[in-house]
Amino acid sequence: MTRKPGSLAALFVGGSAVVSRVRGARAVVRRLLEVGLVPGTKVTLRRVAPLGDPIELKVRNFALSIWRSEAKR
């Protein structure tokens, strides 16, 4: 059974996903690709800030904080 693709913003804390694509403004996409958020990469949602923004992801062996709006794309 295959899952319908969603966004990283839809993950629950502790949930994991595999990146299938990165969309958004050219500058944002470039930055995310440069830090290792490339298709095929497994990510885990580690924590969410008290007001919901930003979120912290575990990507490979480091923590990456991004805005929820970036994670929705």
PDB file of N, CA and C in Angstrom:
ATOM      1  N   MET A   1       0.845  -1.175   0.000  1.00  0.00           N
ATOM      2  CA  MET A   1       0.000   0.000   0.000  1.00  0.00           C
ATOM      3  C   MET A   1       0.892   1.241   0.000  1.00  0.00           C
ATOM      4  N   THR A   2       0.643   2.156  -0.876  1.00  0.00           N
ATOM      5  CA  THR A   2       1.435   3.380  -0.937  1.00  0.00           C
ATOM      6  C   THR A   2       0.661   4.518  -0.285  1.00  0.00           C
ATOM      7  N   ARG A   3       1.416   5.407   0.339  1.00  0.00           N
ATOM      8  CA  ARG A   3       0.797   6.565   0.987  1.00  0.00           C
ATOM      9  C   ARG A   3       0.732   7.725   0.033  1.00  0.00           C
ATOM     10  N   LYS A   4      -0.297   8.523   0.203  1.00  0.00           N
ATOM     11  CA  LYS A   4      -0.423   9.751  -0.580  1.00  0.00           C
ATOM     12  C   LYS A   4       0.637  10.732  -0.091  1.00  0.00           C
ATOM     13  N   PRO A   5       1.379  11.352  -1.006  1.00  0.00           N
ATOM     14  CA  PRO A   5       2.394  12.309  -0.573  1.00  0.00           C
ATOM     15  C   PRO A   5       1.769  13.477   0.188  1.00  0.00           C
ATOM     16  N   GLY A   6       2.435  13.884   1.229  1.00  0.00           N
ATOM     17  CA  GLY A   6       1.985  15.022   2.019  1.00  0.00           C
ATOM     18  C   GLY A   6       3.130  15.995   2.180  1.00  0.00           C
ATOM     19  N   SER A   7       3.033  16.815   3.183  1.00  0.00           N
ATOM     20  CA  SER A   7       4.114  17.768   3.433  1.00  0.00           C
ATOM     21  C   SER A   7       4.774  17.439   4.760  1.00  0.00           C
ATOM     22  N   LEU A   8       5.954  17.965   4.955  1.00  0.00           N
ATOM     23  CA  LEU A   8       6.654  17.763   6.221  1.00  0.00           C
ATOM     24  C   LEU A   8       5.907  18.430   7.362  1.00  0.00           C
ATOM     25  N   ALA A   9       5.150  19.471   7.050  1.00  0.00           N
ATOM     26  CA  ALA A   9       4.386  20.182   8.078  1.00  0.00           C
ATOM     27  C   ALA A   9       3.280  19.313   8.662  1.00  0.00           C
ATOM     28  N   ALA A  10       2.875  18.255   7.967  1.00  0.00           N
ATOM     29  CA  ALA A  10       1.802  17.381   8.441  1.00  0.00           C
ATOM     30  C   ALA A  10       2.302  16.290   9.395  1.00  0.00           C
ATOM     31  N   LEU A  11       3.620  16.186   9.580  1.00  0.00           N
ATOM     32  CA  LEU A  11       4.165  15.166  10.477  1.00  0.00           C
ATOM     33  C   LEU A  11       3.876  15.493  11.933  1.00  0.00           C
ATOM     34  N   PHE A  12       3.783  14.452  12.736  1.00  0.00           N
ATOM     35  CA  PHE A  12       3.697  14.597  14.185  1.00  0.00           C
ATOM     36  C   PHE A  12       5.102  14.482  14.748  1.00  0.00           C
ATOM     37  N   VAL A  13       5.329  15.014  15.928  1.00  0.00           N
ATOM     38  CA  VAL A  13       6.648  14.912  16.561  1.00  0.00           C
ATOM     39  C   VAL A  13       7.016  13.440  16.682  1.00  0.00           C
ATOM     40  N   GLY A  14       8.200  13.101  16.214  1.00  0.00           N
ATOM     41  CA  GLY A  14       8.663  11.720  16.209  1.00  0.00           C
ATOM     42  C   GLY A  14       8.366  11.000  14.904  1.00  0.00           C
ATOM     43  N   GLY A  15       7.531  11.590  14.060  1.00  0.00           N
ATOM     44  CA  GLY A  15       7.178  10.980  12.779  1.00  0.00           C
ATOM     45  C   GLY A  15       8.275  11.161  11.751  1.00  0.00           C
ATOM     46  N   SER A  16       8.358  10.205  10.834  1.00  0.00           N
ATOM     47  CA  SER A  16       9.378  10.251   9.788  1.00  0.00           C
ATOM     48  C   SER A  16       8.739  10.228   8.413  1.00  0.00           C
ATOM     49  N   ALA A  17       9.494  10.700   7.444  1.00  0.00           N
ATOM     50  CA  ALA A  17       9.052  10.694   6.049  1.00  0.00           C
ATOM     51  C   ALA A  17      10.288  10.692   5.161  1.00  0.00           C
ATOM     52  N   VAL A  18      10.066  10.379   3.902  1.00  0.00           N
ATOM     53  CA  VAL A  18      11.133  10.443   2.908  1.00  0.00           C
ATOM     54  C   VAL A  18      10.766  11.559   1.938  1.00  0.00           C
ATOM     55  N   VAL A  19      11.705  12.449   1.696  1.00  0.00           N
ATOM     56  CA  VAL A  19      11.475  13.578   0.810  1.00  0.00           C
ATOM     57  C   VAL A  19      11.316  13.064  -0.621  1.00  0.00           C
ATOM     58  N   SER A  20      10.226  13.461  -1.282  1.00  0.00           N
ATOM     59  CA  SER A  20      10.030  13.059  -2.673  1.00  0.00           C
ATOM     60  C   SER A  20      10.349  14.208  -3.625  1.00  0.00           C
ATOM     61  N   ARG A  21      10.117  15.439  -3.169  1.00  0.00           N
ATOM     62  CA  ARG A  21      10.453  16.610  -3.977  1.00  0.00           C
ATOM     63  C   ARG A  21      10.505  17.839  -3.083  1.00  0.00           C
ATOM     64  N   VAL A  22      11.168  18.872  -3.583  1.00  0.00           N
ATOM     65  CA  VAL A  22      11.274  20.135  -2.857  1.00  0.00           C
ATOM     66  C   VAL A  22      10.737  21.216  -3.777  1.00  0.00           C
ATOM     67  N   ARG A  23       9.719  21.940  -3.298  1.00  0.00           N
ATOM     68  CA  ARG A  23       9.103  22.990  -4.101  1.00  0.00           C
ATOM     69  C   ARG A  23       9.147  24.306  -3.352  1.00  0.00           C
ATOM     70  N   GLY A  24       8.953  25.386  -4.082  1.00  0.00           N
ATOM     71  CA  GLY A  24       8.903  26.708  -3.469  1.00  0.00           C
ATOM     72  C   GLY A  24       9.675  27.711  -4.286  1.00  0.00           C
ATOM     73  N   ALA A  25       9.959  28.832  -3.658  1.00  0.00           N
ATOM     74  CA  ALA A  25      10.743  29.877  -4.317  1.00  0.00           C
ATOM     75  C   ALA A  25      12.148  29.353  -4.597  1.00  0.00           C
ATOM     76  N   ARG A  26      12.727  29.809  -5.677  1.00  0.00           N
ATOM     77  CA  ARG A  26      14.039  29.311  -6.109  1.00  0.00           C
ATOM     78  C   ARG A  26      15.094  29.407  -5.005  1.00  0.00           C
ATOM     79  N   ALA A  27      15.138  30.526  -4.303  1.00  0.00           N
ATOM     80  CA  ALA A  27      16.143  30.712  -3.252  1.00  0.00           C
ATOM     81  C   ALA A  27      15.937  29.727  -2.107  1.00  0.00           C
ATOM     82  N   VAL A  28      14.696  29.480  -1.736  1.00  0.00           N
ATOM     83  CA  VAL A  28      14.398  28.551  -0.641  1.00  0.00           C
ATOM     84  C   VAL A  28      14.750  27.135  -1.057  1.00  0.00           C
ATOM     85  N   VAL A  29      14.358  26.737  -2.248  1.00  0.00           N
ATOM     86  CA  VAL A  29      14.662  25.388  -2.739  1.00  0.00           C
ATOM     87  C   VAL A  29      16.169  25.180  -2.786  1.00  0.00           C
ATOM     88  N   ARG A  30      16.880  26.151  -3.272  1.00  0.00           N
ATOM     89  CA  ARG A  30      18.340  26.041  -3.355  1.00  0.00           C
ATOM     90  C   ARG A  30      18.959  25.861  -1.970  1.00  0.00           C
ATOM     91  N   ARG A  31      18.502  26.647  -1.006  1.00  0.00           N
ATOM     92  CA  ARG A  31      19.038  26.535   0.356  1.00  0.00           C
ATOM     93  C   ARG A  31      18.752  25.159   0.950  1.00  0.00           C
ATOM     94  N   LEU A  32      17.536  24.662   0.777  1.00  0.00           N
ATOM     95  CA  LEU A  32      17.172  23.354   1.324  1.00  0.00           C
ATOM     96  C   LEU A  32      17.963  22.227   0.667  1.00  0.00           C
ATOM     97  N   LEU A  33      18.177  22.318  -0.629  1.00  0.00           N
ATOM     98  CA  LEU A  33      18.980  21.306  -1.319  1.00  0.00           C
ATOM     99  C   LEU A  33      20.429  21.351  -0.852  1.00  0.00           C
ATOM    100  N   GLU A  34      20.950  22.552  -0.628  1.00  0.00           N
ATOM    101  CA  GLU A  34      22.338  22.700  -0.184  1.00  0.00           C
ATOM    102  C   GLU A  34      22.579  22.108   1.192  1.00  0.00           C
ATOM    103  N   VAL A  35      21.582  22.140   2.058  1.00  0.00           N
ATOM    104  CA  VAL A  35      21.768  21.592   3.404  1.00  0.00           C
ATOM    105  C   VAL A  35      21.419  20.111   3.481  1.00  0.00           C
ATOM    106  N   GLY A  36      21.090  19.497   2.346  1.00  0.00           N
ATOM    107  CA  GLY A  36      20.895  18.056   2.322  1.00  0.00           C
ATOM    108  C   GLY A  36      19.468  17.569   2.250  1.00  0.00           C
ATOM    109  N   LEU A  37      18.518  18.453   2.107  1.00  0.00           N
ATOM    110  CA  LEU A  37      17.113  18.053   2.017  1.00  0.00           C
ATOM    111  C   LEU A  37      16.797  17.752   0.549  1.00  0.00           C
ATOM    112  N   VAL A  38      17.324  16.628   0.075  1.00  0.00           N
ATOM    113  CA  VAL A  38      17.178  16.235  -1.326  1.00  0.00           C
ATOM    114  C   VAL A  38      16.234  15.043  -1.426  1.00  0.00           C
ATOM    115  N   PRO A  39      15.613  14.831  -2.585  1.00  0.00           N
ATOM    116  CA  PRO A  39      14.723  13.683  -2.740  1.00  0.00           C
ATOM    117  C   PRO A  39      15.419  12.377  -2.357  1.00  0.00           C
ATOM    118  N   GLY A  40      14.692  11.546  -1.612  1.00  0.00           N
ATOM    119  CA  GLY A  40      15.221  10.271  -1.138  1.00  0.00           C
ATOM    120  C   GLY A  40      15.772  10.322   0.274  1.00  0.00           C
ATOM    121  N   THR A  41      15.849  11.499   0.860  1.00  0.00           N
ATOM    122  CA  THR A  41      16.395  11.663   2.206  1.00  0.00           C
ATOM    123  C   THR A  41      15.312  11.425   3.256  1.00  0.00           C
ATOM    124  N   LYS A  42      15.635  10.628   4.274  1.00  0.00           N
ATOM    125  CA  LYS A  42      14.703  10.397   5.371  1.00  0.00           C
ATOM    126  C   LYS A  42      14.838  11.542   6.369  1.00  0.00           C
ATOM    127  N   VAL A  43      13.701  12.072   6.816  1.00  0.00           N
ATOM    128  CA  VAL A  43      13.680  13.142   7.813  1.00  0.00           C
ATOM    129  C   VAL A  43      12.733  12.747   8.944  1.00  0.00           C
ATOM    130  N   THR A  44      13.040  13.225  10.129  1.00  0.00           N
ATOM    131  CA  THR A  44      12.215  12.985  11.308  1.00  0.00           C
ATOM    132  C   THR A  44      11.915  14.327  11.955  1.00  0.00           C
ATOM    133  N   LEU A  45      10.662  14.545  12.322  1.00  0.00           N
ATOM    134  CA  LEU A  45      10.288  15.770  13.023  1.00  0.00           C
ATOM    135  C   LEU A  45      10.668  15.610  14.486  1.00  0.00           C
ATOM    136  N   ARG A  46      11.627  16.418  14.952  1.00  0.00           N
ATOM    137  CA  ARG A  46      12.126  16.296  16.323  1.00  0.00           C
ATOM    138  C   ARG A  46      11.318  17.127  17.302  1.00  0.00           C
ATOM    139  N   ARG A  47      11.029  18.388  16.940  1.00  0.00           N
ATOM    140  CA  ARG A  47      10.248  19.235  17.840  1.00  0.00           C
ATOM    141  C   ARG A  47       9.678  20.429  17.098  1.00  0.00           C
ATOM    142  N   VAL A  48       8.707  21.047  17.748  1.00  0.00           N
ATOM    143  CA  VAL A  48       8.024  22.209  17.194  1.00  0.00           C
ATOM    144  C   VAL A  48       8.098  23.323  18.236  1.00  0.00           C
ATOM    145  N   ALA A  49       8.373  24.534  17.798  1.00  0.00           N
ATOM    146  CA  ALA A  49       8.430  25.680  18.702  1.00  0.00           C
ATOM    147  C   ALA A  49       7.064  25.889  19.364  1.00  0.00           C
ATOM    148  N   PRO A  50       7.032  26.500  20.536  1.00  0.00           N
ATOM    149  CA  PRO A  50       5.770  26.672  21.268  1.00  0.00           C
ATOM    150  C   PRO A  50       4.639  27.311  20.465  1.00  0.00           C
ATOM    151  N   LEU A  51       4.939  28.240  19.591  1.00  0.00           N
ATOM    152  CA  LEU A  51       3.888  28.877  18.796  1.00  0.00           C
ATOM    153  C   LEU A  51       3.731  28.219  17.423  1.00  0.00           C
ATOM    154  N   GLY A  52       4.406  27.094  17.201  1.00  0.00           N
ATOM    155  CA  GLY A  52       4.250  26.340  15.969  1.00  0.00           C
ATOM    156  C   GLY A  52       5.259  26.643  14.876  1.00  0.00           C
ATOM    157  N   ASP A  53       6.101  27.631  15.063  1.00  0.00           N
ATOM    158  CA  ASP A  53       7.082  28.008  14.047  1.00  0.00           C
ATOM    159  C   ASP A  53       8.369  28.420  14.722  1.00  0.00           C
ATOM    160  N   PRO A  54       9.512  27.953  14.344  1.00  0.00           N
ATOM    161  CA  PRO A  54       9.817  26.989  13.299  1.00  0.00           C
ATOM    162  C   PRO A  54       9.686  25.555  13.794  1.00  0.00           C
ATOM    163  N   ILE A  55       9.980  24.605  12.891  1.00  0.00           N
ATOM    164  CA  ILE A  55      10.010  23.190  13.273  1.00  0.00           C
ATOM    165  C   ILE A  55      11.443  22.697  13.112  1.00  0.00           C
ATOM    166  N   GLU A  56      11.801  21.700  13.907  1.00  0.00           N
ATOM    167  CA  GLU A  56      13.154  21.147  13.837  1.00  0.00           C
ATOM    168  C   GLU A  56      13.081  19.738  13.268  1.00  0.00           C
ATOM    169  N   LEU A  57      13.856  19.515  12.223  1.00  0.00           N
ATOM    170  CA  LEU A  57      13.907  18.218  11.571  1.00  0.00           C
ATOM    171  C   LEU A  57      15.265  17.581  11.793  1.00  0.00           C
ATOM    172  N   LYS A  58      15.284  16.258  11.884  1.00  0.00           N
ATOM    173  CA  LYS A  58      16.552  15.534  11.884  1.00  0.00           C
ATOM    174  C   LYS A  58      16.763  15.077  10.450  1.00  0.00           C
ATOM    175  N   VAL A  59      17.806  15.597   9.826  1.00  0.00           N
ATOM    176  CA  VAL A  59      18.155  15.268   8.449  1.00  0.00           C
ATOM    177  C   VAL A  59      19.562  14.703   8.471  1.00  0.00           C
ATOM    178  N   ARG A  60      19.689  13.451   8.075  1.00  0.00           N
ATOM    179  CA  ARG A  60      20.970  12.741   8.159  1.00  0.00           C
ATOM    180  C   ARG A  60      21.416  12.759   9.619  1.00  0.00           C
ATOM    181  N   ASN A  61      22.527  13.369   9.957  1.00  0.00           N
ATOM    182  CA  ASN A  61      22.982  13.390  11.350  1.00  0.00           C
ATOM    183  C   ASN A  61      23.026  14.787  11.933  1.00  0.00           C
ATOM    184  N   PHE A  62      22.139  15.665  11.487  1.00  0.00           N
ATOM    185  CA  PHE A  62      22.115  17.006  12.060  1.00  0.00           C
ATOM    186  C   PHE A  62      20.688  17.512  12.166  1.00  0.00           C
ATOM    187  N   ALA A  63      20.522  18.576  12.940  1.00  0.00           N
ATOM    188  CA  ALA A  63      19.206  19.191  13.137  1.00  0.00           C
ATOM    189  C   ALA A  63      19.066  20.371  12.186  1.00  0.00           C
ATOM    190  N   LEU A  64      17.910  20.464  11.551  1.00  0.00           N
ATOM    191  CA  LEU A  64      17.624  21.532  10.609  1.00  0.00           C
ATOM    192  C   LEU A  64      16.316  22.182  11.024  1.00  0.00           C
ATOM    193  N   SER A  65      16.344  23.486  11.278  1.00  0.00           N
ATOM    194  CA  SER A  65      15.123  24.222  11.619  1.00  0.00           C
ATOM    195  C   SER A  65      14.656  24.989  10.398  1.00  0.00           C
ATOM    196  N   ILE A  66      13.378  24.805  10.064  1.00  0.00           N
ATOM    197  CA  ILE A  66      12.799  25.514   8.931  1.00  0.00           C
ATOM    198  C   ILE A  66      11.439  26.057   9.339  1.00  0.00           C
ATOM    199  N   TRP A  67      10.954  27.050   8.603  1.00  0.00           N
ATOM    200  CA  TRP A  67       9.640  27.610   8.848  1.00  0.00           C
ATOM    201  C   TRP A  67       8.571  26.620   8.405  1.00  0.00           C
ATOM    202  N   ARG A  68       7.460  26.632   9.058  1.00  0.00           N
ATOM    203  CA  ARG A  68       6.350  25.732   8.711  1.00  0.00           C
ATOM    204  C   ARG A  68       5.893  25.977   7.266  1.00  0.00           C
ATOM    205  N   SER A  69       5.914  27.227   6.815  1.00  0.00           N
ATOM    206  CA  SER A  69       5.521  27.529   5.431  1.00  0.00           C
ATOM    207  C   SER A  69       6.438  26.843   4.427  1.00  0.00           C
ATOM    208  N   GLU A  70       7.723  26.725   4.745  1.00  0.00           N
ATOM    209  CA  GLU A  70       8.668  26.001   3.880  1.00  0.00           C
ATOM    210  C   GLU A  70       8.377  24.510   3.917  1.00  0.00           C
ATOM    211  N   ALA A  71       8.009  24.001   5.091  1.00  0.00           N
ATOM    212  CA  ALA A  71       7.729  22.571   5.242  1.00  0.00           C
ATOM    213  C   ALA A  71       6.452  22.158   4.523  1.00  0.00           C
ATOM    214  N   LYS A  72       5.528  23.081   4.333  1.00  0.00           N
ATOM    215  CA  LYS A  72       4.280  22.770   3.630  1.00  0.00           C
ATOM    216  C   LYS A  72       4.519  22.510   2.154  1.00  0.00           C
ATOM    217  N   ARG A  73       5.590  23.048   1.627  1.00  0.00           N
ATOM    218  CA  ARG A  73       5.871  22.883   0.202  1.00  0.00           C
ATOM    219  C   ARG A  73       6.680  21.641  -0.038  1.00  0.00           C
TER     220      ARG A  73
END
